Amino acid sequence: MILYPKLYCRKVTDITPEYLNQNNIKGLILDVDNTLLDFDLNILDGLGEWAQSIKNSGIKSIILSNSNKLNKIKMVAELMNIPYISFATKPLKRGFKKAKEILELPNENIAVIGDQIFTDVVGANRCHMFPILVEPIDKKDLWMTRIKRPLENLVIKKYLKDRNEK
């Protein structure tokens, strides 16, 4: 289903290089807002170390954000020492295709990690990439994201129920 991730976990730093390697993932497309950075611009604890372990495993990464606030995206990209794309218009394919070109990998070897179903998961599934949904770092959100959260929570509840029935 286009709304379902392949993996759902608490936070980005719970995703191990071993898990990515087991699933033939060689590149990551990462969301920023409420995935790597909270609403108040606090970076997720342990992000620098996690990014280094990913890089040490030979996995490439890039940030793909719908935000046009370059300072915050650049701050996270510099901490992780990875490239970034802003104003990505997710879930449209344009930003994902651009990230894929920079990563120089086929779609099936790329995972997309983010906190939103209707942007990150749907975009990844539309591009035949490996969607990984993480819980939002914080309850605070942009107004347009807050509107979507109750519907996303219903999808997550159904996803978890379907997954447990298998």
N, C-alpha and C. Protein backbone atom coordinates (compact mmCIF):
# COMPACT_ATOMS: atom_id res chain seq x y z
N MET A 1 0.83 -1.18 0.00
CA MET A 1 0.00 0.00 0.00
C MET A 1 0.88 1.25 0.00
N ILE A 2 0.51 2.23 -0.76
CA ILE A 2 1.32 3.44 -0.94
C ILE A 2 1.50 4.23 0.36
N LEU A 3 0.60 4.05 1.33
CA LEU A 3 0.69 4.78 2.60
C LEU A 3 1.53 4.06 3.65
N TYR A 4 1.94 2.83 3.37
CA TYR A 4 2.66 2.04 4.36
C TYR A 4 4.18 2.10 4.17
N PRO A 5 4.90 2.25 5.28
CA PRO A 5 6.36 2.15 5.22
C PRO A 5 6.78 0.68 5.22
N LYS A 6 8.03 0.44 4.89
CA LYS A 6 8.61 -0.92 5.03
C LYS A 6 9.08 -1.14 6.47
N LEU A 7 9.43 -0.02 7.14
CA LEU A 7 9.88 -0.08 8.53
C LEU A 7 9.31 1.13 9.25
N TYR A 8 8.89 0.92 10.49
CA TYR A 8 8.42 2.01 11.34
C TYR A 8 9.18 1.92 12.65
N CYS A 9 9.86 2.99 13.04
CA CYS A 9 10.64 2.96 14.28
C CYS A 9 10.56 4.30 15.00
N ARG A 10 11.09 4.32 16.18
CA ARG A 10 10.97 5.50 17.03
C ARG A 10 11.76 6.69 16.50
N LYS A 11 13.03 6.47 16.15
CA LYS A 11 13.86 7.59 15.68
C LYS A 11 14.93 7.10 14.70
N VAL A 12 15.48 8.03 13.99
CA VAL A 12 16.48 7.74 12.95
C VAL A 12 17.64 6.94 13.51
N THR A 13 18.09 7.30 14.69
CA THR A 13 19.27 6.65 15.26
C THR A 13 19.01 5.20 15.66
N ASP A 14 17.75 4.74 15.60
CA ASP A 14 17.44 3.32 15.84
C ASP A 14 17.72 2.46 14.61
N ILE A 15 17.93 3.10 13.47
CA ILE A 15 18.16 2.38 12.21
C ILE A 15 19.65 2.07 12.10
N THR A 16 19.97 0.80 12.06
CA THR A 16 21.38 0.40 12.07
C THR A 16 21.92 0.18 10.66
N PRO A 17 23.22 0.37 10.49
CA PRO A 17 23.84 0.04 9.21
C PRO A 17 23.61 -1.43 8.84
N GLU A 18 23.58 -2.31 9.84
CA GLU A 18 23.35 -3.73 9.58
C GLU A 18 21.97 -3.95 8.96
N TYR A 19 20.96 -3.29 9.51
CA TYR A 19 19.60 -3.41 8.95
C TYR A 19 19.58 -2.91 7.50
N LEU A 20 20.21 -1.78 7.27
CA LEU A 20 20.24 -1.22 5.92
C LEU A 20 20.96 -2.17 4.96
N ASN A 21 22.09 -2.71 5.39
CA ASN A 21 22.83 -3.66 4.54
C ASN A 21 22.02 -4.92 4.25
N GLN A 22 21.30 -5.43 5.27
CA GLN A 22 20.46 -6.62 5.08
C GLN A 22 19.38 -6.38 4.03
N ASN A 23 18.96 -5.13 3.88
CA ASN A 23 17.91 -4.78 2.93
C ASN A 23 18.47 -4.16 1.65
N ASN A 24 19.78 -4.32 1.45
CA ASN A 24 20.46 -3.86 0.24
C ASN A 24 20.33 -2.35 0.01
N ILE A 25 20.32 -1.60 1.12
CA ILE A 25 20.24 -0.14 1.05
C ILE A 25 21.65 0.42 1.02
N LYS A 26 21.93 1.21 -0.01
CA LYS A 26 23.26 1.80 -0.18
C LYS A 26 23.22 3.33 -0.10
N GLY A 27 22.00 3.88 0.00
CA GLY A 27 21.83 5.32 0.08
C GLY A 27 20.60 5.70 0.87
N LEU A 28 20.69 6.85 1.56
CA LEU A 28 19.57 7.35 2.36
C LEU A 28 19.17 8.74 1.90
N ILE A 29 17.87 8.94 1.78
CA ILE A 29 17.31 10.27 1.59
C ILE A 29 16.62 10.61 2.91
N LEU A 30 17.07 11.68 3.55
CA LEU A 30 16.62 12.03 4.89
C LEU A 30 15.81 13.32 4.92
N ASP A 31 14.69 13.28 5.61
CA ASP A 31 13.91 14.48 5.89
C ASP A 31 14.58 15.22 7.05
N VAL A 32 14.27 16.50 7.22
CA VAL A 32 14.86 17.27 8.32
C VAL A 32 13.85 17.54 9.43
N ASP A 33 12.78 18.26 9.11
CA ASP A 33 11.84 18.73 10.12
C ASP A 33 11.17 17.59 10.86
N ASN A 34 11.38 17.56 12.17
CA ASN A 34 10.82 16.58 13.08
C ASN A 34 11.32 15.15 12.82
N THR A 35 12.35 15.04 11.98
CA THR A 35 13.04 13.77 11.76
C THR A 35 14.45 13.86 12.32
N LEU A 36 15.18 14.91 11.94
CA LEU A 36 16.54 15.14 12.41
C LEU A 36 16.63 16.35 13.35
N LEU A 37 15.62 17.19 13.27
CA LEU A 37 15.63 18.48 13.96
C LEU A 37 14.22 18.76 14.47
N ASP A 38 14.08 19.22 15.72
CA ASP A 38 12.74 19.53 16.20
C ASP A 38 12.33 20.95 15.80
N PHE A 39 11.11 21.30 16.17
CA PHE A 39 10.53 22.60 15.80
C PHE A 39 11.38 23.77 16.30
N ASP A 40 12.03 23.59 17.46
CA ASP A 40 12.85 24.65 18.06
C ASP A 40 14.31 24.58 17.62
N LEU A 41 14.59 23.82 16.57
CA LEU A 41 15.92 23.69 15.95
C LEU A 41 16.93 22.93 16.81
N ASN A 42 16.44 22.05 17.69
CA ASN A 42 17.32 21.17 18.46
C ASN A 42 17.57 19.91 17.64
N ILE A 43 18.84 19.59 17.46
CA ILE A 43 19.22 18.42 16.67
C ILE A 43 19.01 17.15 17.51
N LEU A 44 18.54 16.10 16.87
CA LEU A 44 18.31 14.81 17.52
C LEU A 44 19.58 14.33 18.21
N ASP A 45 19.45 13.92 19.46
CA ASP A 45 20.60 13.39 20.22
C ASP A 45 21.24 12.22 19.49
N GLY A 46 22.56 12.26 19.38
CA GLY A 46 23.31 11.16 18.78
C GLY A 46 23.36 11.19 17.27
N LEU A 47 22.81 12.24 16.65
CA LEU A 47 22.75 12.28 15.19
C LEU A 47 24.13 12.27 14.53
N GLY A 48 25.06 13.05 15.05
CA GLY A 48 26.40 13.10 14.46
C GLY A 48 27.09 11.75 14.46
N GLU A 49 26.99 11.04 15.58
CA GLU A 49 27.61 9.72 15.70
C GLU A 49 26.93 8.72 14.77
N TRP A 50 25.59 8.79 14.72
CA TRP A 50 24.84 7.90 13.83
C TRP A 50 25.25 8.14 12.37
N ALA A 51 25.30 9.40 11.99
CA ALA A 51 25.67 9.75 10.61
C ALA A 51 27.06 9.21 10.27
N GLN A 52 27.98 9.30 11.22
CA GLN A 52 29.33 8.79 10.99
C GLN A 52 29.33 7.28 10.84
N SER A 53 28.52 6.58 11.63
CA SER A 53 28.47 5.11 11.51
C SER A 53 27.86 4.69 10.17
N ILE A 54 26.89 5.46 9.70
CA ILE A 54 26.29 5.20 8.38
C ILE A 54 27.35 5.39 7.30
N LYS A 55 28.06 6.51 7.39
CA LYS A 55 29.10 6.82 6.41
C LYS A 55 30.21 5.77 6.44
N ASN A 56 30.61 5.34 7.65
CA ASN A 56 31.66 4.32 7.80
C ASN A 56 31.24 2.99 7.19
N SER A 57 29.94 2.75 7.09
CA SER A 57 29.41 1.52 6.49
C SER A 57 29.32 1.61 4.98
N GLY A 58 29.73 2.75 4.42
CA GLY A 58 29.70 2.91 2.98
C GLY A 58 28.34 3.32 2.42
N ILE A 59 27.44 3.73 3.30
CA ILE A 59 26.11 4.16 2.87
C ILE A 59 26.12 5.67 2.66
N LYS A 60 25.69 6.09 1.47
CA LYS A 60 25.63 7.51 1.14
C LYS A 60 24.35 8.12 1.70
N SER A 61 24.36 9.43 1.97
CA SER A 61 23.18 10.11 2.49
C SER A 61 23.02 11.49 1.86
N ILE A 62 21.77 11.93 1.81
CA ILE A 62 21.44 13.27 1.35
C ILE A 62 20.19 13.72 2.09
N ILE A 63 20.09 15.01 2.35
CA ILE A 63 18.89 15.58 2.95
C ILE A 63 17.97 16.06 1.84
N LEU A 64 16.69 15.73 1.95
CA LEU A 64 15.67 16.19 1.02
C LEU A 64 14.55 16.80 1.86
N SER A 65 14.42 18.11 1.82
CA SER A 65 13.47 18.81 2.68
C SER A 65 12.51 19.67 1.87
N ASN A 66 11.26 19.71 2.30
CA ASN A 66 10.30 20.60 1.67
C ASN A 66 10.49 22.04 2.13
N SER A 67 11.27 22.24 3.17
CA SER A 67 11.48 23.57 3.72
C SER A 67 12.31 24.45 2.77
N ASN A 68 12.04 25.75 2.85
CA ASN A 68 12.88 26.69 2.11
C ASN A 68 13.76 27.49 3.07
N LYS A 69 13.82 27.07 4.33
CA LYS A 69 14.66 27.72 5.33
C LYS A 69 16.06 27.10 5.27
N LEU A 70 16.90 27.67 4.43
CA LEU A 70 18.21 27.10 4.15
C LEU A 70 19.13 27.01 5.37
N ASN A 71 19.05 27.97 6.29
CA ASN A 71 19.96 27.97 7.43
C ASN A 71 19.82 26.70 8.27
N LYS A 72 18.59 26.27 8.54
CA LYS A 72 18.42 25.08 9.38
C LYS A 72 18.82 23.81 8.62
N ILE A 73 18.50 23.73 7.34
CA ILE A 73 18.86 22.55 6.55
C ILE A 73 20.38 22.45 6.45
N LYS A 74 20.99 23.59 6.16
CA LYS A 74 22.45 23.64 6.01
C LYS A 74 23.15 23.27 7.32
N MET A 75 22.59 23.71 8.46
CA MET A 75 23.17 23.40 9.77
C MET A 75 23.23 21.88 9.98
N VAL A 76 22.14 21.18 9.67
CA VAL A 76 22.10 19.72 9.84
C VAL A 76 23.00 19.05 8.82
N ALA A 77 22.96 19.51 7.57
CA ALA A 77 23.80 18.93 6.51
C ALA A 77 25.28 19.06 6.84
N GLU A 78 25.67 20.18 7.41
CA GLU A 78 27.08 20.38 7.77
C GLU A 78 27.47 19.48 8.93
N LEU A 79 26.58 19.32 9.93
CA LEU A 79 26.87 18.41 11.04
C LEU A 79 27.09 16.99 10.52
N MET A 80 26.25 16.58 9.57
CA MET A 80 26.33 15.22 9.03
C MET A 80 27.32 15.10 7.88
N ASN A 81 27.80 16.25 7.38
CA ASN A 81 28.73 16.30 6.26
C ASN A 81 28.16 15.61 5.01
N ILE A 82 26.91 16.02 4.67
CA ILE A 82 26.22 15.46 3.50
C ILE A 82 25.57 16.58 2.69
N PRO A 83 25.28 16.32 1.42
CA PRO A 83 24.59 17.34 0.60
C PRO A 83 23.11 17.46 0.98
N TYR A 84 22.47 18.51 0.46
CA TYR A 84 21.06 18.70 0.76
C TYR A 84 20.34 19.32 -0.44
N ILE A 85 19.03 19.10 -0.45
CA ILE A 85 18.14 19.71 -1.43
C ILE A 85 16.99 20.31 -0.62
N SER A 86 16.71 21.59 -0.86
CA SER A 86 15.60 22.23 -0.16
C SER A 86 14.43 22.42 -1.13
N PHE A 87 13.29 22.82 -0.57
CA PHE A 87 12.07 23.06 -1.33
C PHE A 87 11.81 21.92 -2.32
N ALA A 88 11.76 20.73 -1.78
CA ALA A 88 11.72 19.50 -2.59
C ALA A 88 10.34 19.15 -3.16
N THR A 89 9.29 19.75 -2.65
CA THR A 89 7.91 19.48 -3.08
C THR A 89 7.51 18.00 -2.96
N LYS A 90 7.96 17.35 -1.87
CA LYS A 90 7.53 15.98 -1.61
C LYS A 90 6.03 15.97 -1.37
N PRO A 91 5.29 15.02 -1.86
CA PRO A 91 5.65 13.72 -2.40
C PRO A 91 5.86 13.69 -3.91
N LEU A 92 5.92 14.85 -4.56
CA LEU A 92 6.20 14.84 -6.00
C LEU A 92 7.56 14.20 -6.24
N LYS A 93 7.72 13.60 -7.40
CA LYS A 93 8.93 12.81 -7.70
C LYS A 93 10.17 13.65 -7.97
N ARG A 94 10.00 14.91 -8.33
CA ARG A 94 11.11 15.76 -8.77
C ARG A 94 12.30 15.75 -7.78
N GLY A 95 12.02 16.02 -6.52
CA GLY A 95 13.09 16.07 -5.52
C GLY A 95 13.75 14.73 -5.30
N PHE A 96 12.96 13.67 -5.31
CA PHE A 96 13.50 12.31 -5.13
C PHE A 96 14.43 11.95 -6.30
N LYS A 97 14.02 12.32 -7.50
CA LYS A 97 14.86 12.04 -8.69
C LYS A 97 16.18 12.79 -8.61
N LYS A 98 16.13 14.04 -8.17
CA LYS A 98 17.34 14.84 -8.03
C LYS A 98 18.28 14.22 -6.98
N ALA A 99 17.70 13.78 -5.86
CA ALA A 99 18.50 13.14 -4.81
C ALA A 99 19.12 11.85 -5.31
N LYS A 100 18.35 11.08 -6.06
CA LYS A 100 18.84 9.82 -6.64
C LYS A 100 20.03 10.07 -7.56
N GLU A 101 19.96 11.13 -8.37
CA GLU A 101 21.08 11.47 -9.26
C GLU A 101 22.33 11.82 -8.47
N ILE A 102 22.16 12.55 -7.38
CA ILE A 102 23.31 12.92 -6.55
C ILE A 102 23.90 11.68 -5.86
N LEU A 103 23.04 10.80 -5.39
CA LEU A 103 23.51 9.56 -4.74
C LEU A 103 24.12 8.58 -5.74
N GLU A 104 23.73 8.71 -7.02
CA GLU A 104 24.21 7.82 -8.09
C GLU A 104 23.91 6.35 -7.77
N LEU A 105 22.64 6.11 -7.38
CA LEU A 105 22.20 4.75 -7.03
C LEU A 105 20.84 4.48 -7.68
N PRO A 106 20.55 3.20 -7.95
CA PRO A 106 19.20 2.87 -8.42
C PRO A 106 18.18 3.00 -7.29
N ASN A 107 16.93 3.25 -7.66
CA ASN A 107 15.86 3.46 -6.67
C ASN A 107 15.78 2.35 -5.64
N GLU A 108 15.93 1.11 -6.07
CA GLU A 108 15.75 -0.03 -5.14
C GLU A 108 16.84 -0.10 -4.07
N ASN A 109 17.92 0.66 -4.22
CA ASN A 109 18.99 0.68 -3.22
C ASN A 109 18.94 1.93 -2.33
N ILE A 110 17.83 2.66 -2.41
CA ILE A 110 17.69 3.91 -1.65
C ILE A 110 16.53 3.80 -0.66
N ALA A 111 16.80 4.16 0.60
CA ALA A 111 15.74 4.27 1.61
C ALA A 111 15.45 5.74 1.85
N VAL A 112 14.20 6.03 2.10
CA VAL A 112 13.75 7.39 2.43
C VAL A 112 13.29 7.36 3.88
N ILE A 113 13.87 8.23 4.70
CA ILE A 113 13.55 8.27 6.12
C ILE A 113 12.91 9.61 6.45
N GLY A 114 11.70 9.54 7.03
CA GLY A 114 11.02 10.76 7.42
C GLY A 114 9.91 10.48 8.41
N ASP A 115 9.30 11.55 8.90
CA ASP A 115 8.27 11.43 9.94
C ASP A 115 6.85 11.59 9.41
N GLN A 116 6.69 11.81 8.10
CA GLN A 116 5.35 12.04 7.56
C GLN A 116 4.98 11.01 6.48
N ILE A 117 3.78 10.50 6.60
CA ILE A 117 3.29 9.53 5.62
C ILE A 117 3.02 10.18 4.28
N PHE A 118 2.34 11.33 4.31
CA PHE A 118 1.86 11.92 3.06
C PHE A 118 2.93 12.65 2.25
N THR A 119 4.12 12.78 2.79
CA THR A 119 5.23 13.36 2.03
C THR A 119 6.34 12.33 1.83
N ASP A 120 6.90 11.84 2.93
CA ASP A 120 8.06 10.95 2.87
C ASP A 120 7.71 9.54 2.41
N VAL A 121 6.73 8.91 3.04
CA VAL A 121 6.37 7.53 2.71
C VAL A 121 5.74 7.44 1.32
N VAL A 122 4.78 8.31 1.06
CA VAL A 122 4.12 8.29 -0.25
C VAL A 122 5.13 8.58 -1.36
N GLY A 123 5.98 9.57 -1.16
CA GLY A 123 7.00 9.90 -2.17
C GLY A 123 7.95 8.73 -2.42
N ALA A 124 8.39 8.08 -1.34
CA ALA A 124 9.29 6.92 -1.48
C ALA A 124 8.60 5.80 -2.24
N ASN A 125 7.37 5.50 -1.87
CA ASN A 125 6.64 4.42 -2.55
C ASN A 125 6.38 4.75 -4.02
N ARG A 126 6.06 6.00 -4.32
CA ARG A 126 5.84 6.40 -5.71
C ARG A 126 7.10 6.22 -6.55
N CYS A 127 8.26 6.39 -5.91
CA CYS A 127 9.53 6.28 -6.62
C CYS A 127 10.15 4.88 -6.50
N HIS A 128 9.43 3.95 -5.91
CA HIS A 128 9.90 2.57 -5.72
C HIS A 128 11.19 2.52 -4.90
N MET A 129 11.21 3.37 -3.86
CA MET A 129 12.31 3.37 -2.90
C MET A 129 11.82 2.70 -1.62
N PHE A 130 12.66 2.55 -0.64
CA PHE A 130 12.39 1.83 0.61
C PHE A 130 11.96 2.86 1.67
N PRO A 131 10.65 2.97 1.97
CA PRO A 131 10.21 3.98 2.93
C PRO A 131 10.38 3.55 4.39
N ILE A 132 10.98 4.42 5.18
CA ILE A 132 11.13 4.19 6.61
C ILE A 132 10.48 5.37 7.33
N LEU A 133 9.48 5.07 8.14
CA LEU A 133 8.77 6.09 8.89
C LEU A 133 9.30 6.11 10.31
N VAL A 134 9.61 7.31 10.80
CA VAL A 134 10.02 7.47 12.20
C VAL A 134 8.99 8.35 12.90
N GLU A 135 8.91 8.19 14.21
CA GLU A 135 8.01 9.04 14.99
C GLU A 135 8.56 10.46 14.97
N PRO A 136 7.68 11.47 14.97
CA PRO A 136 8.16 12.85 15.04
C PRO A 136 8.97 13.06 16.33
N ILE A 137 10.04 13.82 16.25
CA ILE A 137 10.88 14.09 17.42
C ILE A 137 10.08 14.81 18.50
N ASP A 138 9.20 15.72 18.08
CA ASP A 138 8.49 16.59 19.00
C ASP A 138 7.02 16.67 18.61
N LYS A 139 6.17 17.06 19.53
CA LYS A 139 4.74 17.24 19.26
C LYS A 139 4.49 18.52 18.47
N LYS A 140 5.38 19.50 18.60
CA LYS A 140 5.21 20.76 17.88
C LYS A 140 5.45 20.53 16.39
N ASP A 141 4.57 21.12 15.58
CA ASP A 141 4.66 20.98 14.13
C ASP A 141 4.24 22.27 13.46
N LEU A 142 4.57 22.39 12.19
CA LEU A 142 4.02 23.47 11.38
C LEU A 142 2.51 23.27 11.29
N TRP A 143 1.75 24.31 11.10
CA TRP A 143 0.28 24.22 11.09
C TRP A 143 -0.21 23.22 10.04
N MET A 144 0.40 23.22 8.86
CA MET A 144 -0.10 22.32 7.81
C MET A 144 0.18 20.85 8.13
N THR A 145 1.24 20.60 8.87
CA THR A 145 1.55 19.23 9.28
C THR A 145 0.60 18.80 10.41
N ARG A 146 0.32 19.72 11.33
CA ARG A 146 -0.60 19.42 12.44
C ARG A 146 -1.96 18.97 11.92
N ILE A 147 -2.39 19.55 10.83
CA ILE A 147 -3.69 19.20 10.24
C ILE A 147 -3.69 17.74 9.78
N LYS A 148 -2.56 17.28 9.25
CA LYS A 148 -2.48 15.92 8.70
C LYS A 148 -2.22 14.83 9.75
N ARG A 149 -1.69 15.20 10.91
CA ARG A 149 -1.28 14.20 11.91
C ARG A 149 -2.40 13.26 12.34
N PRO A 150 -3.63 13.73 12.61
CA PRO A 150 -4.67 12.76 13.03
C PRO A 150 -4.94 11.69 11.96
N LEU A 151 -4.93 12.07 10.70
CA LEU A 151 -5.14 11.10 9.63
C LEU A 151 -3.95 10.15 9.53
N GLU A 152 -2.75 10.69 9.66
CA GLU A 152 -1.55 9.84 9.65
C GLU A 152 -1.59 8.84 10.80
N ASN A 153 -2.06 9.28 11.97
CA ASN A 153 -2.13 8.38 13.12
C ASN A 153 -3.10 7.22 12.87
N LEU A 154 -4.18 7.48 12.14
CA LEU A 154 -5.10 6.40 11.77
C LEU A 154 -4.43 5.41 10.83
N VAL A 155 -3.65 5.91 9.88
CA VAL A 155 -2.93 5.04 8.94
C VAL A 155 -1.91 4.20 9.70
N ILE A 156 -1.19 4.81 10.63
CA ILE A 156 -0.18 4.08 11.41
C ILE A 156 -0.84 2.99 12.24
N LYS A 157 -1.97 3.30 12.85
CA LYS A 157 -2.71 2.31 13.64
C LYS A 157 -3.10 1.11 12.77
N LYS A 158 -3.61 1.37 11.58
CA LYS A 158 -4.00 0.30 10.65
C LYS A 158 -2.76 -0.48 10.19
N TYR A 159 -1.69 0.23 9.87
CA TYR A 159 -0.43 -0.41 9.46
C TYR A 159 0.06 -1.39 10.54
N LEU A 160 0.08 -0.92 11.79
CA LEU A 160 0.55 -1.77 12.89
C LEU A 160 -0.35 -2.99 13.07
N LYS A 161 -1.65 -2.79 12.94
CA LYS A 161 -2.61 -3.90 13.06
C LYS A 161 -2.38 -4.91 11.93
N ASP A 162 -2.27 -4.42 10.69
CA ASP A 162 -2.03 -5.30 9.54
C ASP A 162 -0.72 -6.06 9.69
N ARG A 163 0.31 -5.38 10.15
CA ARG A 163 1.63 -6.00 10.30
C ARG A 163 1.60 -7.10 11.37
N ASN A 164 0.88 -6.85 12.45
CA ASN A 164 0.79 -7.84 13.53
C ASN A 164 -0.05 -9.04 13.16
N GLU A 165 -0.93 -8.90 12.19
CA GLU A 165 -1.78 -10.01 11.75
C GLU A 165 -1.05 -10.95 10.80
N LYS A 166 0.09 -10.53 10.28
CA LYS A 166 0.85 -11.37 9.34
C LYS A 166 1.66 -12.41 10.07
